[in-house]
């Protein structure tokens, strides 16, 4: 099904056309008909009175095409022009022109006049039909023209997130019936949706479309949904897919139609979908502005709407450029933001957004309506970074590590949280992802290259062979070598306490090996590794085993459970939990209830 909105001056026969085409009375749920090809089209019949422009905007906004009616006996009228301006501001590019009442006047004169008015608008060149609803002349031609229009309209993605703007709602007891135009996506019986702006969850109980019950329906369609226990539902609210939209009260926009942003009123009404929201406008550049909304809307980048000043009746079309705009508090921040937005397209994609933010979660891009660009740097499963930004951060990290080592030779490592703050990263685990040789992470700190051993000449010109002979290996070296051999085939399966005693890696010897960084000790907790063993308080692994485990865990679907971690690491669950707690303490993983990422 496709949906077409009517447009035109009051009394020019819009409703009569819908009745003639469908045999049905235009109503709140709309009327529909089957076209000659078998396609179906539904009509949203909007009022034509001058004071009804907000209602016209609400009806026309979700529809992809318009049926513009101009009466042959009156021709172009003021409200025709206002409706045309509204369609232009909404970005409607598809339509059919119907010269109505062709039985009462020569349609050719009105058609010539309308063609002149449409020149230079998105609707120039639309197919035109002379028609009389009273006699039926031209109705078949109009249906054929609408059929050809429907065949040219874009087919929306049935898998897209749902946003159904409510244009009518009726509540009876615990049941609420809402009507709207489903522009994209699919709604099925039993689906859970969010009712915006409150964000409360509601469930779809029944679906009606074209007068028939449905188990599911895809856009574009006029639909009637029945909800239970939805509370108060008013026109202008929206039903949206949970976790798929950005809920915001502040956006940066481009004005696409009408006056420059600096000439617009500072307080206007934003018409988006069926919502009419008072906003405060702050001009940025000649065609960009910041809007502060008095209620939350569920938005994606590229959404289009109309700014309208009810006092002067002036209008401007807008495209949403940013649903998470930066604060503008510093001197010159507004001008800098205007320069940045000037290069953005009307519908920013993932590459533009990632370049703006540097690093984002994949889910954050999805909430804005974007996909990660192909060249994005994938980080820890859920994060992506702009390549240029990530490369610059890598250079900065190397500089920070060198500077810190030079200024603090006795404590050369920088804490992960300090690095995160200096680089402006949103999570500590991203610092570890940024570290590359010769940098390294150890005990929650980032270290630069290991210092080179002193040259032989440093022993002095009179030093003999004994002075420069290699130092004897530490007493724990043999035990550590045997431990590494045990762990070679299973790096995350620590030896039990009995095996550590056999290796001689206990007590002061184990303490010395740990101080030298030759082993990794992690608290395990009460209980042994297996039934019948003595309680073990810690596990001993090769150094760097925690970061090696992190690389394995990065390859799991995020988030993951301790059981999934144990299976991926080839160890038992208690060891996996100990490793995860250790990684949590270092800020390299994040716990989410019983799961981690």
Protein backbone atom coordinates (compact mmCIF):
# COMPACT_ATOMS: atom_id res chain seq x y z
CA UNK A 1 0.00 0.00 0.00
CA UNK A 2 1.02 3.62 -0.57
CA UNK A 3 -0.32 6.70 1.18
CA UNK A 4 -1.16 10.01 -0.48
CA UNK A 5 -2.18 13.22 1.27
CA UNK A 6 -4.59 15.69 -0.25
CA UNK A 7 -3.67 19.39 -0.47
CA UNK A 8 -5.37 22.53 -1.72
CA UNK A 9 -7.67 25.42 -0.92
CA UNK A 10 -10.83 24.77 1.07
CA UNK A 11 -13.83 24.03 -1.16
CA UNK A 12 -11.74 22.88 -4.13
CA UNK A 13 -13.06 19.34 -3.95
CA UNK A 14 -10.39 17.33 -2.13
CA UNK A 15 -12.87 15.23 -0.16
CA UNK A 16 -15.09 14.80 -3.20
CA UNK A 17 -12.11 13.41 -5.12
CA UNK A 18 -11.41 10.87 -2.37
CA UNK A 19 -15.07 9.78 -2.36
CA UNK A 20 -15.07 9.47 -6.15
CA UNK A 21 -11.86 7.42 -6.16
CA UNK A 22 -12.62 5.13 -3.22
CA UNK A 23 -16.39 5.03 -2.87
CA UNK A 24 -15.78 5.69 0.83
CA UNK A 25 -16.25 8.66 3.06
CA UNK A 26 -12.94 10.24 4.13
CA UNK A 27 -12.57 9.74 7.85
CA UNK A 28 -10.08 9.56 10.63
CA UNK A 29 -8.73 6.21 9.46
CA UNK A 30 -8.58 7.36 5.84
CA UNK A 31 -10.14 5.88 2.71
CA UNK A 32 -8.43 3.52 0.29
CA UNK A 33 -8.87 2.02 -3.13
CA UNK A 34 -7.36 -0.57 -5.40
CA UNK A 35 -5.76 0.93 -8.50
CA UNK A 36 -5.88 -0.61 -12.00
CA UNK A 37 -2.57 -2.44 -11.50
CA UNK A 38 -3.74 -4.01 -8.24
CA UNK A 39 -1.74 -1.60 -6.09
CA UNK A 40 -3.56 -0.10 -3.14
CA UNK A 41 -3.46 3.53 -2.13
CA UNK A 42 -4.83 5.17 1.00
CA UNK A 43 -5.67 8.87 1.30
CA UNK A 44 -5.13 11.23 4.19
CA UNK A 45 -7.70 13.99 3.57
CA UNK A 46 -6.51 17.23 5.21
CA UNK A 47 -8.59 20.35 5.87
CA UNK A 48 -8.20 23.33 3.58
CA UNK A 49 -9.23 26.23 5.81
CA UNK A 50 -6.62 28.88 6.58
CA UNK A 51 -6.72 28.19 10.32
CA UNK A 52 -6.23 24.45 9.75
CA UNK A 53 -2.63 24.53 8.51
CA UNK A 54 -1.29 22.71 11.61
CA UNK A 55 -3.75 19.88 10.91
CA UNK A 56 -2.66 19.85 7.27
CA UNK A 57 1.00 19.57 8.34
CA UNK A 58 0.18 16.72 10.70
CA UNK A 59 -1.62 14.79 7.97
CA UNK A 60 0.88 15.47 5.21
CA UNK A 61 4.13 14.95 7.12
CA UNK A 62 4.21 11.11 7.18
CA UNK A 63 2.87 10.73 3.61
CA UNK A 64 5.37 10.38 0.74
CA UNK A 65 3.17 11.95 -1.98
CA UNK A 66 0.40 14.53 -2.47
CA UNK A 67 -2.75 14.92 -4.51
CA UNK A 68 -2.97 18.68 -5.12
CA UNK A 69 -6.47 19.88 -5.98
CA UNK A 70 -7.16 23.22 -7.72
CA UNK A 71 -10.69 24.12 -8.83
CA UNK A 72 -11.12 25.09 -12.48
CA UNK A 73 -13.62 27.83 -11.64
CA UNK A 74 -11.42 29.58 -9.03
CA UNK A 75 -7.86 28.67 -9.93
CA UNK A 76 -4.96 29.41 -7.62
CA UNK A 77 -5.98 30.63 -4.15
CA UNK A 78 -4.05 31.77 -1.06
CA UNK A 79 -4.50 28.47 0.76
CA UNK A 80 -3.29 26.59 -2.32
CA UNK A 81 -0.05 28.51 -2.08
CA UNK A 82 0.27 27.90 1.66
CA UNK A 83 -0.28 24.17 1.18
CA UNK A 84 2.30 24.12 -1.62
CA UNK A 85 4.78 25.90 0.67
CA UNK A 86 4.07 23.34 3.38
CA UNK A 87 4.69 20.45 0.97
CA UNK A 88 7.94 22.08 -0.14
CA UNK A 89 9.06 22.55 3.46
CA UNK A 90 8.26 18.91 4.19
CA UNK A 91 10.33 17.82 1.19
CA UNK A 92 7.43 16.15 -0.67
CA UNK A 93 8.69 15.52 -4.23
CA UNK A 94 5.99 13.22 -5.63
CA UNK A 95 2.43 14.07 -6.54
CA UNK A 96 -0.44 14.39 -8.99
CA UNK A 97 -2.27 17.60 -9.87
CA UNK A 98 -6.07 17.37 -10.16
CA UNK A 99 -7.86 20.32 -11.78
CA UNK A 100 -11.27 19.78 -10.18
CA UNK A 101 -14.77 20.97 -11.12
CA UNK A 102 -13.84 20.63 -14.80
CA UNK A 103 -17.57 20.50 -15.58
CA UNK A 104 -18.06 24.12 -14.42
CA UNK A 105 -15.13 25.93 -16.12
CA UNK A 106 -12.38 25.49 -18.69
CA UNK A 107 -9.70 23.45 -16.94
CA UNK A 108 -7.00 24.60 -19.37
CA UNK A 109 -6.87 28.13 -17.94
CA UNK A 110 -6.48 26.92 -14.38
CA UNK A 111 -3.93 24.31 -15.47
CA UNK A 112 -1.78 26.97 -17.16
CA UNK A 113 -1.93 29.14 -14.03
CA UNK A 114 -1.02 26.24 -11.74
CA UNK A 115 1.89 25.18 -13.95
CA UNK A 116 3.37 28.66 -13.59
CA UNK A 117 3.02 28.47 -9.80
CA UNK A 118 4.60 25.01 -9.60
CA UNK A 119 7.65 26.03 -11.65
CA UNK A 120 10.71 26.08 -9.42
CA UNK A 121 9.12 23.85 -6.76
CA UNK A 122 9.71 20.13 -6.09
CA UNK A 123 6.31 19.41 -7.68
CA UNK A 124 7.05 20.98 -11.04
CA UNK A 125 6.28 18.63 -13.88
CA UNK A 126 3.84 16.43 -11.94
CA UNK A 127 1.19 14.69 -14.01
CA UNK A 128 -2.04 16.70 -14.27
CA UNK A 129 -5.59 15.47 -14.81
CA UNK A 130 -8.82 17.42 -15.35
CA UNK A 131 -11.60 15.79 -13.36
CA UNK A 132 -15.17 16.31 -12.21
CA UNK A 133 -16.28 14.45 -9.13
CA UNK A 134 -19.85 15.45 -9.87
CA UNK A 135 -20.05 13.83 -13.33
CA UNK A 136 -17.28 11.26 -12.94
CA UNK A 137 -15.39 12.62 -15.94
CA UNK A 138 -11.64 12.09 -15.58
CA UNK A 139 -11.88 9.95 -12.43
CA UNK A 140 -10.54 6.90 -14.27
CA UNK A 141 -7.71 9.01 -15.71
CA UNK A 142 -6.90 10.27 -12.21
CA UNK A 143 -6.80 6.70 -10.87
CA UNK A 144 -4.41 5.73 -13.67
CA UNK A 145 -2.18 8.73 -12.88
CA UNK A 146 -2.14 7.76 -9.19
CA UNK A 147 -1.26 4.21 -10.22
CA UNK A 148 1.75 5.45 -12.16
CA UNK A 149 2.71 7.65 -9.18
CA UNK A 150 2.49 4.71 -6.78
CA UNK A 151 4.80 2.71 -9.03
CA UNK A 152 7.46 5.44 -8.81
CA UNK A 153 7.37 5.92 -5.05
CA UNK A 154 10.31 4.53 -3.05
CA UNK A 155 9.68 1.24 -1.25
CA UNK A 156 10.61 1.64 2.44
CA UNK A 157 12.67 -0.92 4.32
CA UNK A 158 10.37 -3.39 6.12
CA UNK A 159 13.17 -4.07 8.63
CA UNK A 160 13.59 -0.39 9.51
CA UNK A 161 12.78 0.72 13.08
CA UNK A 162 9.16 1.72 13.57
CA UNK A 163 7.99 5.25 14.28
CA UNK A 164 4.23 5.61 13.95
CA UNK A 165 3.03 9.17 14.47
CA UNK A 166 -0.44 9.15 16.02
CA UNK A 167 -2.96 11.39 14.26
CA UNK A 168 -6.12 10.10 16.00
CA UNK A 169 -6.68 8.21 19.26
CA UNK A 170 -9.79 6.89 21.02
CA UNK A 171 -9.75 5.32 24.49
CA UNK A 172 -12.56 3.14 25.80
CA UNK A 173 -11.88 1.58 29.20
CA UNK A 174 -8.49 -0.10 29.09
CA UNK A 175 -8.36 -0.21 25.27
CA UNK A 176 -6.94 2.55 23.09
CA UNK A 177 -7.20 2.62 19.29
CA UNK A 178 -4.61 4.79 17.53
CA UNK A 179 -4.46 5.70 13.85
CA UNK A 180 -1.45 6.80 11.85
CA UNK A 181 0.67 6.41 8.74
CA UNK A 182 3.34 3.73 9.10
CA UNK A 183 6.14 5.16 6.95
CA UNK A 184 8.62 2.28 7.25
CA UNK A 185 9.33 -0.86 9.22
CA UNK A 186 6.90 -3.59 10.26
CA UNK A 187 4.45 -3.82 13.16
CA UNK A 188 3.13 -7.20 14.32
CA UNK A 189 0.54 -8.25 16.88
CA UNK A 190 2.29 -8.68 20.22
CA UNK A 191 5.07 -6.18 19.47
CA UNK A 192 6.23 -3.98 22.32
CA UNK A 193 6.67 -0.32 21.42
CA UNK A 194 7.53 2.86 23.32
CA UNK A 195 4.89 5.58 23.55
CA UNK A 196 6.73 8.89 23.22
CA UNK A 197 7.38 11.36 24.73
CA UNK A 198 6.87 9.54 28.04
CA UNK A 199 8.78 6.46 26.85
CA UNK A 200 6.31 4.02 28.42
CA UNK A 201 6.14 0.50 26.99
CA UNK A 202 2.89 -0.60 25.35
CA UNK A 203 1.93 -3.78 23.51
CA UNK A 204 0.09 -4.07 20.19
CA UNK A 205 -3.03 -6.20 20.61
CA UNK A 206 -4.68 -5.88 17.18
CA UNK A 207 -3.84 -4.34 13.80
CA UNK A 208 -6.23 -3.06 11.15
CA UNK A 209 -5.28 -1.96 7.65
CA UNK A 210 -7.60 -1.19 4.71
CA UNK A 211 -10.54 -2.31 6.80
CA UNK A 212 -9.09 -5.77 7.44
CA UNK A 213 -7.48 -7.35 10.54
CA UNK A 214 -3.80 -8.16 10.10
CA UNK A 215 -1.21 -10.11 12.03
CA UNK A 216 1.47 -7.74 10.76
CA UNK A 217 1.75 -4.79 8.41
CA UNK A 218 4.71 -3.05 6.73
CA UNK A 219 5.06 0.57 5.64
CA UNK A 220 3.89 2.53 3.83
CA UNK A 221 0.39 1.90 5.21
CA UNK A 222 -2.48 3.55 7.03
CA UNK A 223 -2.97 1.47 10.16
CA UNK A 224 -5.18 1.26 13.23
CA UNK A 225 -3.51 -0.28 16.27
CA UNK A 226 -5.26 -1.34 19.45
CA UNK A 227 -3.26 -0.96 22.65
CA UNK A 228 -4.11 -2.09 26.16
CA UNK A 229 -3.44 -0.06 29.32
CA UNK A 230 -1.66 2.63 27.32
CA UNK A 231 -3.00 5.45 29.48
CA UNK A 232 -3.69 8.77 27.83
CA UNK A 233 -2.76 8.88 24.14
CA UNK A 234 -3.04 12.12 22.17
CA UNK A 235 -2.41 13.06 18.53
CA UNK A 236 1.22 14.08 18.10
CA UNK A 237 2.56 11.21 20.19
CA UNK A 238 4.58 8.47 18.53
CA UNK A 239 4.95 4.70 18.87
CA UNK A 240 8.57 3.72 18.29
CA UNK A 241 10.79 0.64 18.34
CA UNK A 242 12.62 0.48 21.71
CA UNK A 243 16.35 1.13 21.57
CA UNK A 244 16.28 2.36 17.96
CA UNK A 245 15.84 6.14 18.22
CA UNK A 246 17.53 9.02 19.98
CA UNK A 247 15.16 10.64 22.48
CA UNK A 248 16.23 14.26 22.58
CA UNK A 249 15.17 17.81 23.41
CA UNK A 250 18.00 19.56 21.54
CA UNK A 251 18.94 19.32 17.85
CA UNK A 252 20.99 21.17 15.26
CA UNK A 253 19.15 21.65 11.97
CA UNK A 254 19.56 23.01 8.46
CA UNK A 255 16.84 25.29 7.11
CA UNK A 256 16.03 24.03 3.63
CA UNK A 257 13.13 26.25 2.67
CA UNK A 258 12.08 29.76 3.59
CA UNK A 259 13.98 32.58 5.26
CA UNK A 260 17.57 32.45 6.52
CA UNK A 261 17.88 31.20 10.09
CA UNK A 262 18.85 34.64 11.40
CA UNK A 263 15.57 36.12 10.13
CA UNK A 264 13.37 33.51 11.76
CA UNK A 265 11.51 34.16 15.00
CA UNK A 266 13.32 33.03 18.13
CA UNK A 267 10.26 31.11 19.32
CA UNK A 268 8.51 28.91 16.79
CA UNK A 269 6.61 25.64 16.51
CA UNK A 270 8.31 22.58 15.08
CA UNK A 271 5.95 20.33 13.12
CA UNK A 272 7.54 16.89 12.77
CA UNK A 273 5.34 13.94 11.99
CA UNK A 274 2.06 14.74 13.70
CA UNK A 275 3.81 16.48 16.60
CA UNK A 276 3.66 20.25 17.05
CA UNK A 277 6.34 21.22 19.56
CA UNK A 278 7.21 24.75 20.74
CA UNK A 279 10.93 25.39 20.29
CA UNK A 280 13.49 28.06 21.04
CA UNK A 281 15.70 28.85 18.04
CA UNK A 282 19.34 29.94 18.15
CA UNK A 283 20.77 30.88 14.74
CA UNK A 284 24.20 29.42 13.98
CA UNK A 285 24.99 30.00 10.30
CA UNK A 286 22.93 31.40 7.41
CA UNK A 287 21.11 28.08 7.03
CA UNK A 288 21.80 26.32 10.35
CA UNK A 289 20.28 26.71 13.80
CA UNK A 290 19.96 25.04 17.17
CA UNK A 291 16.48 24.11 18.39
CA UNK A 292 15.67 23.51 22.05
CA UNK A 293 12.41 21.57 22.26
CA UNK A 294 9.95 21.70 25.14
CA UNK A 295 9.38 17.93 24.96
CA UNK A 296 11.32 14.84 23.91
CA UNK A 297 11.06 13.54 20.36
CA UNK A 298 12.35 10.24 18.96
CA UNK A 299 14.59 11.30 16.07
CA UNK A 300 17.13 10.15 13.52
CA UNK A 301 19.58 12.22 11.53
CA UNK A 302 18.00 13.47 8.33
CA UNK A 303 14.48 13.72 9.75
CA UNK A 304 12.57 16.57 8.12
CA UNK A 305 10.02 18.94 9.57
CA UNK A 306 8.59 22.43 9.36
CA UNK A 307 9.26 25.43 11.57
CA UNK A 308 6.24 27.71 11.72
CA UNK A 309 5.62 31.01 13.40
CA UNK A 310 1.90 31.05 14.28
CA UNK A 311 1.92 34.84 14.59
CA UNK A 312 3.38 35.69 11.18
CA UNK A 313 2.43 32.35 9.52
CA UNK A 314 5.97 32.17 8.11
CA UNK A 315 7.44 28.69 7.53
CA UNK A 316 10.81 27.08 7.02
CA UNK A 317 11.64 23.47 6.27
CA UNK A 318 14.35 21.87 8.40
CA UNK A 319 16.56 18.78 8.23
CA UNK A 320 17.95 17.34 11.46
CA UNK A 321 21.77 17.37 11.31
CA UNK A 322 22.68 16.34 14.86
CA UNK A 323 20.60 14.74 17.61
CA UNK A 324 23.50 14.92 20.10
CA UNK A 325 24.89 18.40 19.53
CA UNK A 326 27.78 19.73 21.63
CA UNK A 327 27.25 22.41 24.26
CA UNK A 328 28.00 25.95 23.10
CA UNK A 329 29.35 27.81 26.12
CA UNK A 330 32.76 29.11 25.08
CA UNK A 331 33.22 32.36 23.26
CA UNK A 332 33.00 31.77 19.51
CA UNK A 333 31.58 28.25 19.93
CA UNK A 334 28.47 29.09 17.89
CA UNK A 335 30.46 30.39 14.94
CA UNK A 336 32.78 27.37 15.06
CA UNK A 337 29.77 25.05 15.11
CA UNK A 338 28.28 26.86 12.10
CA UNK A 339 31.51 26.35 10.13
CA UNK A 340 31.48 22.65 11.02
CA UNK A 341 27.84 22.15 10.01
CA UNK A 342 28.28 24.05 6.74
CA UNK A 343 30.06 21.05 5.19
CA UNK A 344 27.54 18.47 6.39
CA UNK A 345 24.91 17.02 4.03
CA UNK A 346 21.22 17.30 4.88
CA UNK A 347 21.30 13.64 5.96
CA UNK A 348 24.65 12.96 7.69
CA UNK A 349 25.89 9.37 7.46
CA UNK A 350 27.99 7.27 9.82
CA UNK A 351 31.27 8.65 8.46
CA UNK A 352 30.24 12.25 9.24
CA UNK A 353 28.97 11.34 12.70
CA UNK A 354 32.04 9.29 13.61
CA UNK A 355 34.32 12.07 12.40
CA UNK A 356 32.40 14.44 14.70
CA UNK A 357 32.53 12.21 17.82
CA UNK A 358 35.78 10.30 17.21
CA UNK A 359 34.74 7.15 19.09
CA UNK A 360 31.21 5.76 19.55
CA UNK A 361 29.44 2.56 20.42
CA UNK A 362 27.80 0.85 17.46
CA UNK A 363 24.51 1.14 19.34
CA UNK A 364 24.94 4.91 19.56
CA UNK A 365 25.28 5.16 15.79
CA UNK A 366 22.19 3.00 15.41
CA UNK A 367 20.21 5.29 17.72
CA UNK A 368 21.06 8.16 15.39
CA UNK A 369 19.94 6.18 12.35
CA UNK A 370 23.44 5.51 11.00
CA UNK A 371 25.59 2.49 10.20
CA UNK A 372 29.36 2.38 10.91
CA UNK A 373 31.35 3.40 7.82
CA UNK A 374 33.35 0.63 6.09
CA UNK A 375 36.71 2.10 7.15
CA UNK A 376 35.80 2.49 10.83
CA UNK A 377 38.27 1.02 13.32
CA UNK A 378 36.53 -1.82 15.22
CA UNK A 379 37.35 -1.80 18.95
CA UNK A 380 36.43 -4.35 21.60
CA UNK A 381 33.38 -5.55 19.71
CA UNK A 382 30.97 -2.73 20.60
CA UNK A 383 33.06 0.37 19.83
CA UNK A 384 34.13 1.95 16.52
CA UNK A 385 36.48 4.85 15.85
CA UNK A 386 37.18 7.28 13.07
CA UNK A 387 40.50 6.15 11.47
CA UNK A 388 42.13 9.58 11.46
CA UNK A 389 41.03 10.28 15.03
CA UNK A 390 42.30 6.89 16.24
CA UNK A 391 45.68 7.41 14.58
CA UNK A 392 46.00 10.84 16.18
CA UNK A 393 45.13 9.38 19.59
CA UNK A 394 47.84 6.74 19.14
CA UNK A 395 50.43 9.46 18.49
CA UNK A 396 49.23 11.46 21.48
CA UNK A 397 49.41 8.41 23.74
CA UNK A 398 53.04 7.79 22.75
CA UNK A 399 53.85 11.45 23.49
CA UNK A 400 52.07 11.32 26.85
CA UNK A 401 53.91 8.13 27.86
CA UNK A 402 57.31 9.58 26.90
CA UNK A 403 56.62 12.88 28.64
CA UNK A 404 55.45 11.13 31.82
CA UNK A 405 58.45 8.76 31.88
CA UNK A 406 60.83 11.69 31.53
CA UNK A 407 59.18 13.69 34.30
CA UNK A 408 58.61 10.74 36.65
CA UNK A 409 61.46 8.25 36.14
CA UNK A 410 60.66 6.45 39.39
CA UNK A 411 56.98 5.96 38.43
CA UNK A 412 57.05 5.87 34.62
CA UNK A 413 53.62 4.30 34.09
CA UNK A 414 50.50 6.46 33.57
CA UNK A 415 47.26 5.21 35.21
CA UNK A 416 44.63 4.12 32.68
CA UNK A 417 42.10 6.59 34.04
CA UNK A 418 44.57 9.46 33.66
CA UNK A 419 45.19 8.48 30.05
CA UNK A 420 41.46 8.20 29.42
CA UNK A 421 40.84 11.71 30.71
CA UNK A 422 43.77 13.24 28.83
CA UNK A 423 42.71 11.65 25.54
CA UNK A 424 38.99 12.26 26.05
CA UNK A 425 38.08 8.59 25.66
CA UNK A 426 34.66 7.43 26.93
CA UNK A 427 35.89 4.17 28.53
CA UNK A 428 39.13 2.88 30.06
CA UNK A 429 38.98 -0.31 28.04
CA UNK A 430 39.59 1.80 24.93
CA UNK A 431 42.97 2.88 26.33
CA UNK A 432 44.13 -0.75 26.30
CA UNK A 433 42.86 -1.10 22.74
CA UNK A 434 44.92 1.93 21.79
CA UNK A 435 48.17 0.56 23.24
CA UNK A 436 50.54 -0.94 20.66
CA UNK A 437 54.21 -1.98 20.98
CA UNK A 438 56.52 -0.57 22.15
CA UNK A 439 53.90 0.74 24.62
CA UNK A 440 52.46 -1.75 27.08
CA UNK A 441 49.81 -2.01 29.81
CA UNK A 442 50.77 -3.48 33.16
CA UNK A 443 48.95 -3.37 36.51
CA UNK A 444 46.53 -0.70 35.33
CA UNK A 445 49.21 1.62 33.93
CA UNK A 446 50.52 2.45 30.45
CA UNK A 447 54.30 2.26 30.05
CA UNK A 448 56.53 3.49 27.27
CA UNK A 449 59.38 1.46 25.74
CA UNK A 450 61.47 -0.47 28.26
CA UNK A 451 64.79 1.31 28.95
CA UNK A 452 67.75 -0.08 27.05
CA UNK A 453 70.47 -1.84 29.11
CA UNK A 454 73.53 0.33 29.81
CA UNK A 455 76.28 0.17 27.24
CA UNK A 456 79.49 -1.69 28.02
CA UNK A 457 81.36 1.59 28.12
CA UNK A 458 79.24 2.62 31.10
CA UNK A 459 81.34 0.32 33.31
CA UNK A 460 84.26 2.72 32.95
CA UNK A 461 87.57 2.55 31.02
CA UNK A 462 89.36 0.68 33.82
CA UNK A 463 86.70 -1.94 34.38
CA UNK A 464 87.82 -5.49 33.79
CA UNK A 465 85.87 -8.47 32.50
CA UNK A 466 84.44 -9.19 35.93
CA UNK A 467 82.89 -5.73 36.06
CA UNK A 468 80.89 -6.25 32.88
CA UNK A 469 80.02 -9.91 33.25
CA UNK A 470 76.34 -10.75 33.06
CA UNK A 471 74.55 -10.94 36.40
CA UNK A 472 73.52 -14.44 37.57
CA UNK A 473 69.88 -15.34 36.90
CA UNK A 474 67.47 -14.66 39.78
CA UNK A 475 66.66 -17.61 42.03
CA UNK A 476 63.12 -17.90 40.72
CA UNK A 477 64.12 -18.06 37.02
CA UNK A 478 64.15 -21.87 36.75
CA UNK A 479 60.78 -22.22 38.48
CA UNK A 480 59.22 -19.61 36.19
CA UNK A 481 60.62 -21.35 33.12
CA UNK A 482 58.99 -24.61 34.26
CA UNK A 483 55.71 -22.73 34.90
CA UNK A 484 55.78 -21.28 31.37
CA UNK A 485 56.30 -24.77 29.97
CA UNK A 486 53.23 -26.01 31.90
CA UNK A 487 51.15 -23.11 30.51
CA UNK A 488 52.38 -23.35 26.92
CA UNK A 489 49.44 -25.41 25.71
CA UNK A 490 46.78 -23.95 28.03
CA UNK A 491 47.72 -20.36 28.98
CA UNK A 492 44.55 -19.81 31.04
CA UNK A 493 44.59 -23.10 33.01
CA UNK A 494 46.69 -22.29 36.10
CA UNK A 495 48.52 -25.10 37.93
CA UNK A 496 47.01 -26.13 41.28
CA UNK A 497 48.75 -25.32 44.54
CA UNK A 498 50.36 -28.79 44.65
CA UNK A 499 52.00 -28.24 41.25
CA UNK A 500 53.28 -24.83 42.31
CA UNK A 501 54.99 -26.49 45.28
CA UNK A 502 56.55 -29.05 42.93
CA UNK A 503 57.85 -26.20 40.79
CA UNK A 504 59.27 -24.48 43.84
CA UNK A 505 57.22 -21.39 43.12
CA UNK A 506 55.87 -20.56 46.57
CA UNK A 507 56.45 -18.18 49.45
CA UNK A 508 59.18 -15.59 49.12
CA UNK A 509 60.31 -16.98 45.76
CA UNK A 510 56.83 -16.42 44.28
CA UNK A 511 56.71 -12.94 45.84
CA UNK A 512 60.05 -12.05 44.25
CA UNK A 513 58.95 -13.36 40.85
CA UNK A 514 55.78 -11.26 41.07
CA UNK A 515 57.73 -8.11 42.01
CA UNK A 516 59.95 -8.69 38.98
CA UNK A 517 56.89 -9.02 36.72
CA UNK A 518 57.75 -12.64 35.86
CA UNK A 519 54.35 -14.03 36.92
CA UNK A 520 50.75 -12.81 37.15
CA UNK A 521 48.95 -13.53 40.44
CA UNK A 522 45.16 -13.09 40.64
CA UNK A 523 42.96 -13.69 43.71
CA UNK A 524 40.66 -16.65 43.15
CA UNK A 525 38.49 -16.79 46.26
CA UNK A 526 37.42 -19.58 48.55
CA UNK A 527 37.31 -23.17 47.31
CA UNK A 528 39.60 -25.31 45.24
CA UNK A 529 39.78 -25.78 41.51
CA UNK A 530 38.36 -29.29 41.75
CA UNK A 531 36.69 -31.54 44.31
CA UNK A 532 39.05 -32.81 47.01
CA UNK A 533 41.72 -30.13 46.52
CA UNK A 534 42.82 -27.76 49.24
CA UNK A 535 41.31 -24.29 49.17
CA UNK A 536 43.16 -22.07 46.73
CA UNK A 537 43.34 -18.31 47.27
CA UNK A 538 44.95 -17.29 44.00
CA UNK A 539 45.91 -18.38 40.52
CA UNK A 540 49.35 -17.96 38.98
CA UNK A 541 49.74 -17.38 35.24
CA UNK A 542 52.38 -16.09 32.86
CA UNK A 543 52.74 -12.31 32.67
CA UNK A 544 50.45 -10.74 30.09
CA UNK A 545 47.91 -13.55 30.34
CA UNK A 546 45.22 -11.03 31.31
CA UNK A 547 45.71 -8.97 28.12
CA UNK A 548 45.87 -12.16 26.07
CA UNK A 549 42.55 -13.17 27.63
CA UNK A 550 41.14 -9.74 26.78
CA UNK A 551 42.00 -10.25 23.11
CA UNK A 552 40.13 -13.56 23.14
CA UNK A 553 37.13 -12.02 24.89
CA UNK A 554 37.01 -9.16 22.38
CA UNK A 555 36.07 -11.73 19.75
CA UNK A 556 32.94 -12.84 21.63
CA UNK A 557 29.49 -11.35 20.97
CA UNK A 558 29.10 -8.46 23.40
CA UNK A 559 28.06 -8.69 26.20
CA UNK A 560 29.04 -12.22 27.28
CA UNK A 561 28.57 -14.41 30.36
CA UNK A 562 31.31 -15.93 32.57
CA UNK A 563 30.38 -19.34 31.16
CA UNK A 564 30.97 -18.12 27.61
CA UNK A 565 34.27 -16.58 28.72
CA UNK A 566 35.40 -19.86 30.31
CA UNK A 567 34.60 -21.80 27.14
CA UNK A 568 36.42 -19.30 24.94
CA UNK A 569 39.50 -19.30 27.22
CA UNK A 570 39.60 -23.07 27.63
CA UNK A 571 39.47 -22.96 31.40
CA UNK A 572 37.00 -23.58 34.21
CA UNK A 573 34.37 -21.07 35.26
CA UNK A 574 36.03 -20.05 38.56
CA UNK A 575 39.26 -19.13 36.83
CA UNK A 576 37.31 -17.23 34.18
CA UNK A 577 35.45 -15.29 36.89
CA UNK A 578 38.76 -14.45 38.62
CA UNK A 579 40.20 -13.19 35.33
CA UNK A 580 37.07 -11.13 34.63
CA UNK A 581 37.19 -9.55 38.09
CA UNK A 582 40.85 -8.73 37.51
CA UNK A 583 40.02 -7.13 34.14
CA UNK A 584 37.13 -5.24 35.77
CA UNK A 585 39.49 -3.78 38.38
CA UNK A 586 41.82 -2.63 35.62
CA UNK A 587 38.94 -1.01 33.77
CA UNK A 588 39.39 -3.23 30.71
CA UNK A 589 35.96 -4.89 30.92
CA UNK A 590 32.61 -3.58 32.07
CA UNK A 591 30.14 -5.57 34.15
CA UNK A 592 26.47 -5.38 33.17
CA UNK A 593 24.50 -7.41 35.71
CA UNK A 594 25.55 -11.01 35.16
CA UNK A 595 27.23 -10.17 31.84
CA UNK A 596 30.33 -8.29 30.74
CA UNK A 597 31.65 -6.52 27.70
